Amino acid sequence: MRTLDTQELKIAKGLIRNPRLSDNRLGEEYNIPVRTVSRKRARMEGEGLLRYFAEVDMSVTGTGAFPCSHLYVLRFKVGITARHLFEEVSHEPNVVTAFTESIYESHVAEIDGRLALVMIVEGTSDADIVERFHEQIVPSLRKNHGEDSIEDITTVRLLSRVRMLRNYLPTVNMEKGTMKADWDTGSIYVA
């Protein structure tokens, strides 16, 4: 387990608030020498502790391209392994596929001793999501893992996002792509 020191915690919280902050700005705002900020930030990035993401909001509050989303849980038959699933994903990194276009987020899981795939699928309507799922995603999974590989499917219609990545509440503390300036840094959680 890696424990962040006081300066690293301040740097992490500052970057959670606004990932576009420069080392100079972080140093000024948190009273840390800029060289220390640069060194510690580079180390945390190198260790994989800091990751940066950009998201284009394609929901009704953004581009409107995908106003609907469903959570799917696919349970695979005995014998399907996480290693095989990750090998499949590793073959797609430079190609836009049905997975890239339709799946907002996915996770490998375990249900009752079986491998499962949990995914949020987006679409233009509930019917569009069902079509995308059954015409593109399921056939691809069956092709890669076998026709009888999917044992069970559960779905939940998602209405609206409340929280993401622990600290972001899009309708509460986000404004113009970053956390609101008046959002208390003390309420940002980093362990």
N, C-alpha and C. Protein backbone atom coordinates (compact mmCIF):
# COMPACT_ATOMS: atom_id res chain seq x y z
N MET A 1 0.85 -1.18 0.00
CA MET A 1 0.00 0.00 0.00
C MET A 1 0.89 1.24 0.00
N ARG A 2 0.53 2.19 -0.81
CA ARG A 2 1.30 3.44 -0.95
C ARG A 2 0.52 4.55 -0.27
N THR A 3 1.12 5.19 0.73
CA THR A 3 0.48 6.29 1.42
C THR A 3 0.99 7.60 0.84
N LEU A 4 0.08 8.49 0.50
CA LEU A 4 0.46 9.80 -0.03
C LEU A 4 0.85 10.72 1.13
N ASP A 5 1.93 11.47 0.94
CA ASP A 5 2.30 12.43 1.97
C ASP A 5 1.41 13.68 1.84
N THR A 6 1.56 14.62 2.76
CA THR A 6 0.70 15.80 2.81
C THR A 6 0.75 16.59 1.51
N GLN A 7 1.94 16.78 0.96
CA GLN A 7 2.06 17.53 -0.29
C GLN A 7 1.43 16.78 -1.45
N GLU A 8 1.63 15.48 -1.51
CA GLU A 8 1.02 14.67 -2.58
C GLU A 8 -0.50 14.71 -2.50
N LEU A 9 -1.03 14.69 -1.27
CA LEU A 9 -2.49 14.80 -1.10
C LEU A 9 -2.99 16.14 -1.65
N LYS A 10 -2.30 17.22 -1.36
CA LYS A 10 -2.69 18.53 -1.85
C LYS A 10 -2.63 18.58 -3.37
N ILE A 11 -1.56 18.03 -3.95
CA ILE A 11 -1.41 18.01 -5.40
C ILE A 11 -2.55 17.20 -6.03
N ALA A 12 -2.83 16.03 -5.46
CA ALA A 12 -3.90 15.17 -5.99
C ALA A 12 -5.26 15.87 -5.91
N LYS A 13 -5.55 16.49 -4.79
CA LYS A 13 -6.83 17.19 -4.63
C LYS A 13 -6.92 18.37 -5.60
N GLY A 14 -5.81 19.09 -5.79
CA GLY A 14 -5.81 20.20 -6.74
C GLY A 14 -6.08 19.72 -8.15
N LEU A 15 -5.51 18.56 -8.51
CA LEU A 15 -5.71 18.02 -9.86
C LEU A 15 -7.09 17.40 -10.03
N ILE A 16 -7.67 16.89 -8.96
CA ILE A 16 -9.06 16.42 -9.03
C ILE A 16 -9.96 17.61 -9.28
N ARG A 17 -9.69 18.71 -8.60
CA ARG A 17 -10.48 19.93 -8.79
C ARG A 17 -10.35 20.42 -10.22
N ASN A 18 -9.12 20.45 -10.75
CA ASN A 18 -8.89 20.93 -12.11
C ASN A 18 -7.64 20.25 -12.67
N PRO A 19 -7.80 19.21 -13.49
CA PRO A 19 -6.65 18.47 -14.01
C PRO A 19 -5.77 19.29 -14.96
N ARG A 20 -6.23 20.46 -15.35
CA ARG A 20 -5.45 21.30 -16.26
C ARG A 20 -4.51 22.26 -15.54
N LEU A 21 -4.47 22.20 -14.21
CA LEU A 21 -3.60 23.11 -13.46
C LEU A 21 -2.12 22.82 -13.76
N SER A 22 -1.36 23.88 -13.95
CA SER A 22 0.08 23.75 -14.15
C SER A 22 0.76 23.51 -12.81
N ASP A 23 1.99 23.05 -12.89
CA ASP A 23 2.78 22.86 -11.66
C ASP A 23 2.95 24.19 -10.94
N ASN A 24 3.17 25.26 -11.69
CA ASN A 24 3.31 26.59 -11.07
C ASN A 24 2.07 26.96 -10.29
N ARG A 25 0.92 26.75 -10.90
CA ARG A 25 -0.35 27.12 -10.25
C ARG A 25 -0.61 26.26 -9.01
N LEU A 26 -0.33 24.96 -9.13
CA LEU A 26 -0.48 24.07 -7.97
C LEU A 26 0.41 24.53 -6.82
N GLY A 27 1.65 24.88 -7.14
CA GLY A 27 2.57 25.35 -6.12
C GLY A 27 2.08 26.61 -5.44
N GLU A 28 1.56 27.55 -6.24
CA GLU A 28 1.04 28.81 -5.69
C GLU A 28 -0.16 28.56 -4.79
N GLU A 29 -1.12 27.78 -5.29
CA GLU A 29 -2.37 27.56 -4.55
C GLU A 29 -2.18 26.76 -3.27
N TYR A 30 -1.22 25.85 -3.25
CA TYR A 30 -1.07 24.96 -2.10
C TYR A 30 0.23 25.18 -1.33
N ASN A 31 0.94 26.27 -1.67
CA ASN A 31 2.15 26.65 -0.95
C ASN A 31 3.18 25.53 -0.93
N ILE A 32 3.45 24.99 -2.12
CA ILE A 32 4.44 23.92 -2.30
C ILE A 32 5.43 24.42 -3.35
N PRO A 33 6.73 24.30 -3.12
CA PRO A 33 7.69 24.72 -4.14
C PRO A 33 7.41 24.02 -5.48
N VAL A 34 7.49 24.80 -6.56
CA VAL A 34 7.12 24.29 -7.89
C VAL A 34 7.97 23.07 -8.29
N ARG A 35 9.23 23.05 -7.94
CA ARG A 35 10.06 21.89 -8.27
C ARG A 35 9.58 20.64 -7.52
N THR A 36 9.11 20.83 -6.30
CA THR A 36 8.55 19.72 -5.53
C THR A 36 7.27 19.23 -6.19
N VAL A 37 6.42 20.17 -6.60
CA VAL A 37 5.19 19.79 -7.31
C VAL A 37 5.54 18.98 -8.55
N SER A 38 6.46 19.48 -9.36
CA SER A 38 6.84 18.79 -10.60
C SER A 38 7.37 17.38 -10.33
N ARG A 39 8.24 17.27 -9.34
CA ARG A 39 8.83 15.98 -9.00
C ARG A 39 7.78 15.00 -8.49
N LYS A 40 6.95 15.46 -7.56
CA LYS A 40 5.95 14.56 -6.96
C LYS A 40 4.85 14.21 -7.95
N ARG A 41 4.44 15.16 -8.77
CA ARG A 41 3.42 14.89 -9.79
C ARG A 41 3.95 13.86 -10.78
N ALA A 42 5.18 14.04 -11.25
CA ALA A 42 5.77 13.09 -12.20
C ALA A 42 5.88 11.69 -11.58
N ARG A 43 6.24 11.63 -10.32
CA ARG A 43 6.35 10.33 -9.65
C ARG A 43 4.98 9.66 -9.53
N MET A 44 3.97 10.43 -9.12
CA MET A 44 2.62 9.85 -8.98
C MET A 44 2.08 9.42 -10.35
N GLU A 45 2.36 10.19 -11.40
CA GLU A 45 1.95 9.79 -12.75
C GLU A 45 2.68 8.51 -13.17
N GLY A 46 3.99 8.47 -12.92
CA GLY A 46 4.80 7.30 -13.27
C GLY A 46 4.37 6.04 -12.55
N GLU A 47 3.91 6.19 -11.33
CA GLU A 47 3.43 5.05 -10.54
C GLU A 47 2.00 4.66 -10.91
N GLY A 48 1.37 5.44 -11.77
CA GLY A 48 -0.01 5.15 -12.15
C GLY A 48 -1.03 5.60 -11.12
N LEU A 49 -0.61 6.43 -10.17
CA LEU A 49 -1.53 6.92 -9.14
C LEU A 49 -2.41 8.05 -9.67
N LEU A 50 -1.88 8.84 -10.59
CA LEU A 50 -2.66 9.91 -11.21
C LEU A 50 -2.98 9.49 -12.64
N ARG A 51 -4.25 9.57 -12.99
CA ARG A 51 -4.69 9.31 -14.35
C ARG A 51 -5.59 10.45 -14.77
N TYR A 52 -5.49 10.83 -16.01
CA TYR A 52 -6.28 11.94 -16.51
C TYR A 52 -7.21 11.43 -17.61
N PHE A 53 -8.45 11.91 -17.58
CA PHE A 53 -9.43 11.51 -18.58
C PHE A 53 -10.13 12.76 -19.09
N ALA A 54 -10.54 12.71 -20.31
CA ALA A 54 -11.42 13.74 -20.84
C ALA A 54 -12.68 13.03 -21.30
N GLU A 55 -13.80 13.63 -21.05
CA GLU A 55 -15.07 13.02 -21.42
C GLU A 55 -15.87 14.03 -22.24
N VAL A 56 -16.43 13.56 -23.33
CA VAL A 56 -17.39 14.36 -24.08
C VAL A 56 -18.76 13.87 -23.63
N ASP A 57 -19.54 14.75 -23.07
CA ASP A 57 -20.88 14.40 -22.59
C ASP A 57 -21.79 14.22 -23.80
N MET A 58 -22.16 12.98 -24.07
CA MET A 58 -23.01 12.69 -25.22
C MET A 58 -24.46 12.45 -24.80
N SER A 59 -24.76 12.72 -23.53
CA SER A 59 -26.13 12.57 -23.03
C SER A 59 -26.95 13.79 -23.45
N VAL A 60 -28.18 13.86 -22.97
CA VAL A 60 -29.05 15.00 -23.31
C VAL A 60 -28.50 16.32 -22.81
N THR A 61 -27.67 16.30 -21.77
CA THR A 61 -27.10 17.55 -21.26
C THR A 61 -25.86 17.97 -22.04
N GLY A 62 -25.39 17.13 -22.96
CA GLY A 62 -24.21 17.42 -23.77
C GLY A 62 -24.57 17.49 -25.24
N THR A 63 -23.94 16.62 -26.05
CA THR A 63 -24.19 16.64 -27.51
C THR A 63 -25.56 16.10 -27.87
N GLY A 64 -26.14 15.31 -26.98
CA GLY A 64 -27.46 14.72 -27.25
C GLY A 64 -27.40 13.49 -28.14
N ALA A 65 -26.19 13.05 -28.52
CA ALA A 65 -26.06 11.89 -29.41
C ALA A 65 -26.61 10.61 -28.77
N PHE A 66 -26.41 10.45 -27.46
CA PHE A 66 -26.85 9.25 -26.77
C PHE A 66 -27.65 9.62 -25.52
N PRO A 67 -28.93 9.92 -25.67
CA PRO A 67 -29.73 10.34 -24.52
C PRO A 67 -30.15 9.21 -23.58
N CYS A 68 -29.94 7.95 -23.98
CA CYS A 68 -30.36 6.82 -23.15
C CYS A 68 -29.16 5.95 -22.81
N SER A 69 -29.22 5.31 -21.64
CA SER A 69 -28.18 4.34 -21.28
C SER A 69 -28.78 3.23 -20.43
N HIS A 70 -28.23 2.04 -20.62
CA HIS A 70 -28.65 0.86 -19.87
C HIS A 70 -27.41 0.20 -19.27
N LEU A 71 -27.57 -0.35 -18.09
CA LEU A 71 -26.53 -1.15 -17.46
C LEU A 71 -26.82 -2.61 -17.79
N TYR A 72 -25.86 -3.29 -18.38
CA TYR A 72 -26.00 -4.71 -18.70
C TYR A 72 -25.03 -5.51 -17.84
N VAL A 73 -25.48 -6.65 -17.37
CA VAL A 73 -24.63 -7.61 -16.68
C VAL A 73 -24.75 -8.92 -17.43
N LEU A 74 -23.63 -9.34 -18.03
CA LEU A 74 -23.60 -10.61 -18.77
C LEU A 74 -22.80 -11.61 -17.95
N ARG A 75 -23.41 -12.72 -17.64
CA ARG A 75 -22.70 -13.77 -16.90
C ARG A 75 -22.31 -14.84 -17.91
N PHE A 76 -21.02 -15.17 -17.93
CA PHE A 76 -20.51 -16.17 -18.85
C PHE A 76 -20.57 -17.56 -18.25
N LYS A 77 -20.52 -18.55 -19.12
CA LYS A 77 -20.51 -19.94 -18.66
C LYS A 77 -19.18 -20.25 -17.98
N VAL A 78 -19.14 -21.34 -17.27
CA VAL A 78 -17.92 -21.80 -16.61
C VAL A 78 -16.87 -22.04 -17.69
N GLY A 79 -15.64 -21.57 -17.42
CA GLY A 79 -14.53 -21.79 -18.35
C GLY A 79 -14.09 -20.54 -19.09
N ILE A 80 -14.93 -19.52 -19.16
CA ILE A 80 -14.53 -18.26 -19.78
C ILE A 80 -13.66 -17.53 -18.76
N THR A 81 -12.48 -17.10 -19.18
CA THR A 81 -11.53 -16.49 -18.24
C THR A 81 -11.37 -14.99 -18.49
N ALA A 82 -10.95 -14.31 -17.44
CA ALA A 82 -10.66 -12.87 -17.57
C ALA A 82 -9.49 -12.67 -18.52
N ARG A 83 -8.51 -13.53 -18.48
CA ARG A 83 -7.36 -13.40 -19.38
C ARG A 83 -7.81 -13.41 -20.84
N HIS A 84 -8.70 -14.32 -21.20
CA HIS A 84 -9.21 -14.39 -22.57
C HIS A 84 -9.97 -13.11 -22.92
N LEU A 85 -10.75 -12.61 -22.00
CA LEU A 85 -11.51 -11.38 -22.23
C LEU A 85 -10.56 -10.20 -22.46
N PHE A 86 -9.52 -10.09 -21.65
CA PHE A 86 -8.56 -9.00 -21.80
C PHE A 86 -7.74 -9.14 -23.09
N GLU A 87 -7.45 -10.38 -23.50
CA GLU A 87 -6.75 -10.58 -24.78
C GLU A 87 -7.60 -10.04 -25.93
N GLU A 88 -8.90 -10.29 -25.86
CA GLU A 88 -9.82 -9.80 -26.88
C GLU A 88 -9.80 -8.28 -26.93
N VAL A 89 -9.84 -7.64 -25.77
CA VAL A 89 -9.83 -6.18 -25.69
C VAL A 89 -8.52 -5.62 -26.23
N SER A 90 -7.42 -6.32 -26.00
CA SER A 90 -6.11 -5.82 -26.44
C SER A 90 -5.98 -5.78 -27.96
N HIS A 91 -6.85 -6.48 -28.69
CA HIS A 91 -6.78 -6.47 -30.15
C HIS A 91 -7.55 -5.31 -30.76
N GLU A 92 -8.20 -4.49 -29.94
CA GLU A 92 -9.05 -3.42 -30.47
C GLU A 92 -8.52 -2.00 -30.23
N PRO A 93 -7.33 -1.78 -29.68
CA PRO A 93 -6.97 -0.44 -29.21
C PRO A 93 -6.98 0.68 -30.25
N ASN A 94 -6.71 0.39 -31.50
CA ASN A 94 -6.62 1.45 -32.50
C ASN A 94 -7.78 1.44 -33.49
N VAL A 95 -8.86 0.79 -33.14
CA VAL A 95 -9.99 0.65 -34.05
C VAL A 95 -11.27 1.06 -33.34
N VAL A 96 -12.09 1.85 -34.01
CA VAL A 96 -13.42 2.15 -33.47
C VAL A 96 -14.31 0.97 -33.80
N THR A 97 -14.83 0.32 -32.76
CA THR A 97 -15.68 -0.85 -32.95
C THR A 97 -17.06 -0.57 -32.37
N ALA A 98 -17.93 -1.57 -32.48
CA ALA A 98 -19.26 -1.46 -31.86
C ALA A 98 -19.10 -1.24 -30.36
N PHE A 99 -18.04 -1.84 -29.78
CA PHE A 99 -17.80 -1.65 -28.35
C PHE A 99 -17.43 -0.20 -28.06
N THR A 100 -16.54 0.36 -28.87
CA THR A 100 -16.10 1.74 -28.66
C THR A 100 -17.26 2.71 -28.80
N GLU A 101 -18.08 2.51 -29.80
CA GLU A 101 -19.18 3.42 -30.07
C GLU A 101 -20.30 3.30 -29.05
N SER A 102 -20.59 2.10 -28.62
CA SER A 102 -21.79 1.87 -27.81
C SER A 102 -21.55 1.78 -26.31
N ILE A 103 -20.38 1.31 -25.90
CA ILE A 103 -20.14 1.05 -24.49
C ILE A 103 -19.45 2.24 -23.85
N TYR A 104 -20.15 2.87 -22.93
CA TYR A 104 -19.60 4.01 -22.20
C TYR A 104 -18.54 3.55 -21.20
N GLU A 105 -18.82 2.44 -20.51
CA GLU A 105 -17.93 1.94 -19.47
C GLU A 105 -18.17 0.45 -19.32
N SER A 106 -17.11 -0.31 -19.00
CA SER A 106 -17.30 -1.74 -18.75
C SER A 106 -16.32 -2.22 -17.69
N HIS A 107 -16.71 -3.30 -17.01
CA HIS A 107 -15.91 -3.88 -15.92
C HIS A 107 -16.02 -5.39 -15.99
N VAL A 108 -14.92 -6.07 -15.65
CA VAL A 108 -14.96 -7.51 -15.47
C VAL A 108 -15.40 -7.74 -14.03
N ALA A 109 -16.27 -8.71 -13.85
CA ALA A 109 -16.79 -9.00 -12.51
C ALA A 109 -16.87 -10.52 -12.31
N GLU A 110 -17.29 -10.91 -11.13
CA GLU A 110 -17.49 -12.33 -10.81
C GLU A 110 -18.86 -12.45 -10.15
N ILE A 111 -19.66 -13.37 -10.65
CA ILE A 111 -20.98 -13.64 -10.06
C ILE A 111 -21.09 -15.14 -9.86
N ASP A 112 -21.26 -15.55 -8.64
CA ASP A 112 -21.43 -16.97 -8.31
C ASP A 112 -20.35 -17.84 -8.94
N GLY A 113 -19.10 -17.38 -8.90
CA GLY A 113 -17.99 -18.17 -9.42
C GLY A 113 -17.80 -18.11 -10.92
N ARG A 114 -18.60 -17.32 -11.59
CA ARG A 114 -18.48 -17.20 -13.05
C ARG A 114 -18.03 -15.78 -13.41
N LEU A 115 -17.28 -15.69 -14.51
CA LEU A 115 -16.86 -14.40 -15.02
C LEU A 115 -18.09 -13.65 -15.54
N ALA A 116 -18.11 -12.37 -15.30
CA ALA A 116 -19.22 -11.54 -15.79
C ALA A 116 -18.63 -10.27 -16.40
N LEU A 117 -19.40 -9.66 -17.25
CA LEU A 117 -19.04 -8.39 -17.85
C LEU A 117 -20.17 -7.42 -17.52
N VAL A 118 -19.81 -6.31 -16.88
CA VAL A 118 -20.77 -5.27 -16.52
C VAL A 118 -20.47 -4.09 -17.43
N MET A 119 -21.48 -3.60 -18.13
CA MET A 119 -21.23 -2.51 -19.06
C MET A 119 -22.39 -1.53 -19.11
N ILE A 120 -22.05 -0.28 -19.35
CA ILE A 120 -23.06 0.73 -19.60
C ILE A 120 -23.08 0.97 -21.10
N VAL A 121 -24.22 0.70 -21.71
CA VAL A 121 -24.40 0.83 -23.15
C VAL A 121 -25.26 2.06 -23.40
N GLU A 122 -24.80 2.92 -24.32
CA GLU A 122 -25.53 4.14 -24.65
C GLU A 122 -26.15 4.02 -26.03
N GLY A 123 -27.23 4.78 -26.24
CA GLY A 123 -27.89 4.79 -27.54
C GLY A 123 -28.81 5.96 -27.69
N THR A 124 -29.43 6.05 -28.88
CA THR A 124 -30.34 7.16 -29.17
C THR A 124 -31.70 6.96 -28.53
N SER A 125 -32.05 5.71 -28.19
CA SER A 125 -33.32 5.40 -27.54
C SER A 125 -33.17 4.05 -26.85
N ASP A 126 -34.14 3.70 -26.03
CA ASP A 126 -34.10 2.38 -25.40
C ASP A 126 -34.08 1.29 -26.45
N ALA A 127 -34.88 1.43 -27.50
CA ALA A 127 -34.92 0.44 -28.58
C ALA A 127 -33.57 0.36 -29.30
N ASP A 128 -32.94 1.51 -29.52
CA ASP A 128 -31.63 1.54 -30.17
C ASP A 128 -30.61 0.77 -29.35
N ILE A 129 -30.63 0.94 -28.03
CA ILE A 129 -29.69 0.22 -27.17
C ILE A 129 -29.90 -1.28 -27.28
N VAL A 130 -31.14 -1.72 -27.24
CA VAL A 130 -31.44 -3.15 -27.35
C VAL A 130 -30.93 -3.68 -28.68
N GLU A 131 -31.16 -2.93 -29.76
CA GLU A 131 -30.69 -3.35 -31.08
C GLU A 131 -29.16 -3.41 -31.12
N ARG A 132 -28.49 -2.37 -30.64
CA ARG A 132 -27.02 -2.35 -30.62
C ARG A 132 -26.49 -3.56 -29.83
N PHE A 133 -27.10 -3.78 -28.69
CA PHE A 133 -26.64 -4.85 -27.83
C PHE A 133 -26.77 -6.21 -28.50
N HIS A 134 -27.95 -6.48 -29.07
CA HIS A 134 -28.20 -7.81 -29.64
C HIS A 134 -27.67 -7.98 -31.06
N GLU A 135 -27.51 -6.91 -31.81
CA GLU A 135 -27.01 -7.03 -33.19
C GLU A 135 -25.49 -6.90 -33.28
N GLN A 136 -24.86 -6.22 -32.32
CA GLN A 136 -23.43 -5.97 -32.43
C GLN A 136 -22.64 -6.58 -31.27
N ILE A 137 -23.02 -6.26 -30.06
CA ILE A 137 -22.22 -6.66 -28.89
C ILE A 137 -22.30 -8.16 -28.64
N VAL A 138 -23.52 -8.70 -28.54
CA VAL A 138 -23.68 -10.13 -28.25
C VAL A 138 -23.02 -10.99 -29.34
N PRO A 139 -23.26 -10.73 -30.63
CA PRO A 139 -22.60 -11.57 -31.65
C PRO A 139 -21.07 -11.51 -31.57
N SER A 140 -20.52 -10.35 -31.26
CA SER A 140 -19.07 -10.24 -31.14
C SER A 140 -18.56 -11.07 -29.97
N LEU A 141 -19.24 -10.99 -28.84
CA LEU A 141 -18.83 -11.78 -27.68
C LEU A 141 -18.95 -13.27 -27.97
N ARG A 142 -20.02 -13.68 -28.63
CA ARG A 142 -20.19 -15.10 -28.98
C ARG A 142 -19.13 -15.56 -29.98
N LYS A 143 -18.78 -14.71 -30.91
CA LYS A 143 -17.75 -15.06 -31.89
C LYS A 143 -16.42 -15.29 -31.18
N ASN A 144 -16.10 -14.45 -30.22
CA ASN A 144 -14.81 -14.54 -29.53
C ASN A 144 -14.76 -15.58 -28.42
N HIS A 145 -15.91 -15.91 -27.84
CA HIS A 145 -15.91 -16.81 -26.67
C HIS A 145 -16.75 -18.06 -26.86
N GLY A 146 -17.44 -18.19 -27.99
CA GLY A 146 -18.27 -19.37 -28.25
C GLY A 146 -19.75 -19.02 -28.28
N GLU A 147 -20.49 -19.71 -29.11
CA GLU A 147 -21.93 -19.45 -29.28
C GLU A 147 -22.71 -19.58 -27.98
N ASP A 148 -22.29 -20.49 -27.12
CA ASP A 148 -23.01 -20.71 -25.86
C ASP A 148 -22.29 -20.06 -24.67
N SER A 149 -21.45 -19.06 -24.93
CA SER A 149 -20.62 -18.47 -23.88
C SER A 149 -21.41 -17.62 -22.87
N ILE A 150 -22.50 -17.00 -23.31
CA ILE A 150 -23.27 -16.13 -22.42
C ILE A 150 -24.36 -16.95 -21.76
N GLU A 151 -24.30 -17.01 -20.45
CA GLU A 151 -25.25 -17.83 -19.70
C GLU A 151 -26.49 -17.05 -19.27
N ASP A 152 -26.29 -15.75 -18.95
CA ASP A 152 -27.40 -14.97 -18.42
C ASP A 152 -27.15 -13.49 -18.69
N ILE A 153 -28.22 -12.73 -18.91
CA ILE A 153 -28.12 -11.29 -19.13
C ILE A 153 -29.15 -10.59 -18.25
N THR A 154 -28.70 -9.55 -17.55
CA THR A 154 -29.59 -8.70 -16.76
C THR A 154 -29.38 -7.27 -17.24
N THR A 155 -30.45 -6.50 -17.28
CA THR A 155 -30.31 -5.11 -17.70
C THR A 155 -31.10 -4.18 -16.79
N VAL A 156 -30.59 -2.96 -16.65
CA VAL A 156 -31.24 -1.93 -15.85
C VAL A 156 -31.19 -0.64 -16.67
N ARG A 157 -32.32 0.01 -16.80
CA ARG A 157 -32.35 1.29 -17.51
C ARG A 157 -31.84 2.38 -16.57
N LEU A 158 -30.81 3.11 -16.99
CA LEU A 158 -30.23 4.17 -16.17
C LEU A 158 -30.90 5.49 -16.51
N LEU A 159 -31.27 6.25 -15.50
CA LEU A 159 -31.98 7.50 -15.74
C LEU A 159 -31.07 8.71 -15.75
N SER A 160 -30.19 8.85 -14.75
CA SER A 160 -29.26 9.98 -14.75
C SER A 160 -28.09 9.67 -13.84
N ARG A 161 -26.96 10.25 -14.18
CA ARG A 161 -25.73 10.06 -13.42
C ARG A 161 -25.77 10.96 -12.19
N VAL A 162 -25.32 10.43 -11.08
CA VAL A 162 -25.25 11.20 -9.84
C VAL A 162 -23.79 11.49 -9.48
N ARG A 163 -22.96 10.48 -9.45
CA ARG A 163 -21.57 10.62 -9.00
C ARG A 163 -20.68 9.79 -9.93
N MET A 164 -19.46 10.30 -10.15
CA MET A 164 -18.48 9.54 -10.91
C MET A 164 -17.09 9.80 -10.35
N LEU A 165 -16.25 8.79 -10.47
CA LEU A 165 -14.87 8.88 -9.98
C LEU A 165 -14.80 9.48 -8.57
N ARG A 166 -15.67 9.05 -7.72
CA ARG A 166 -15.79 9.42 -6.30
C ARG A 166 -16.16 10.87 -6.04
N ASN A 167 -15.47 11.80 -6.64
CA ASN A 167 -15.58 13.20 -6.25
C ASN A 167 -16.42 14.08 -7.16
N TYR A 168 -16.80 13.57 -8.32
CA TYR A 168 -17.49 14.42 -9.29
C TYR A 168 -19.00 14.17 -9.26
N LEU A 169 -19.74 15.23 -8.98
CA LEU A 169 -21.20 15.21 -9.01
C LEU A 169 -21.61 16.20 -10.10
N PRO A 170 -21.76 15.72 -11.34
CA PRO A 170 -21.93 16.63 -12.48
C PRO A 170 -23.00 17.70 -12.32
N THR A 171 -24.09 17.39 -11.67
CA THR A 171 -25.15 18.40 -11.53
C THR A 171 -24.98 19.27 -10.30
N VAL A 172 -23.96 18.97 -9.47
CA VAL A 172 -23.77 19.71 -8.23
C VAL A 172 -22.46 20.50 -8.21
N ASN A 173 -21.32 19.83 -8.49
CA ASN A 173 -20.04 20.51 -8.29
C ASN A 173 -19.21 20.69 -9.57
N MET A 174 -19.82 20.52 -10.73
CA MET A 174 -19.10 20.68 -11.99
C MET A 174 -19.61 21.90 -12.75
N GLU A 175 -18.65 22.61 -13.38
CA GLU A 175 -19.00 23.78 -14.16
C GLU A 175 -17.89 24.03 -15.19
N LYS A 176 -18.27 24.18 -16.43
CA LYS A 176 -17.31 24.46 -17.51
C LYS A 176 -16.18 23.45 -17.57
N GLY A 177 -16.49 22.19 -17.38
CA GLY A 177 -15.51 21.13 -17.54
C GLY A 177 -14.65 20.79 -16.35
N THR A 178 -14.74 21.56 -15.27
CA THR A 178 -13.96 21.25 -14.07
C THR A 178 -14.84 21.42 -12.84
N MET A 179 -14.27 21.08 -11.71
CA MET A 179 -14.99 21.25 -10.46
C MET A 179 -15.14 22.75 -10.18
N LYS A 180 -16.29 23.12 -9.64
CA LYS A 180 -16.54 24.53 -9.34
C LYS A 180 -15.46 25.09 -8.42
N ALA A 181 -15.06 26.32 -8.69
CA ALA A 181 -13.98 26.96 -7.92
C ALA A 181 -14.32 27.07 -6.44
N ASP A 182 -15.60 27.21 -6.11
CA ASP A 182 -15.98 27.37 -4.71
C ASP A 182 -16.24 26.03 -4.00
N TRP A 183 -16.03 24.90 -4.69
CA TRP A 183 -16.21 23.60 -4.06
C TRP A 183 -15.07 23.37 -3.08
N ASP A 184 -15.39 23.06 -1.84
CA ASP A 184 -14.41 22.92 -0.77
C ASP A 184 -13.44 21.78 -1.05
N THR A 185 -12.14 22.11 -1.09
CA THR A 185 -11.11 21.10 -1.32
C THR A 185 -11.14 20.04 -0.22
N GLY A 186 -11.57 20.41 0.97
CA GLY A 186 -11.67 19.45 2.06
C GLY A 186 -12.69 18.35 1.82
N SER A 187 -13.62 18.58 0.91
CA SER A 187 -14.63 17.56 0.62
C SER A 187 -14.18 16.62 -0.51
N ILE A 188 -12.97 16.84 -1.05
CA ILE A 188 -12.43 15.95 -2.09
C ILE A 188 -11.75 14.78 -1.39
N TYR A 189 -12.13 13.57 -1.74
CA TYR A 189 -11.58 12.38 -1.08
C TYR A 189 -10.42 11.80 -1.87
N VAL A 190 -9.30 11.62 -1.18
CA VAL A 190 -8.13 10.92 -1.70
C VAL A 190 -7.59 10.07 -0.55
N ALA A 191 -7.32 8.81 -0.82
CA ALA A 191 -6.79 7.92 0.24
C ALA A 191 -5.36 7.53 -0.08
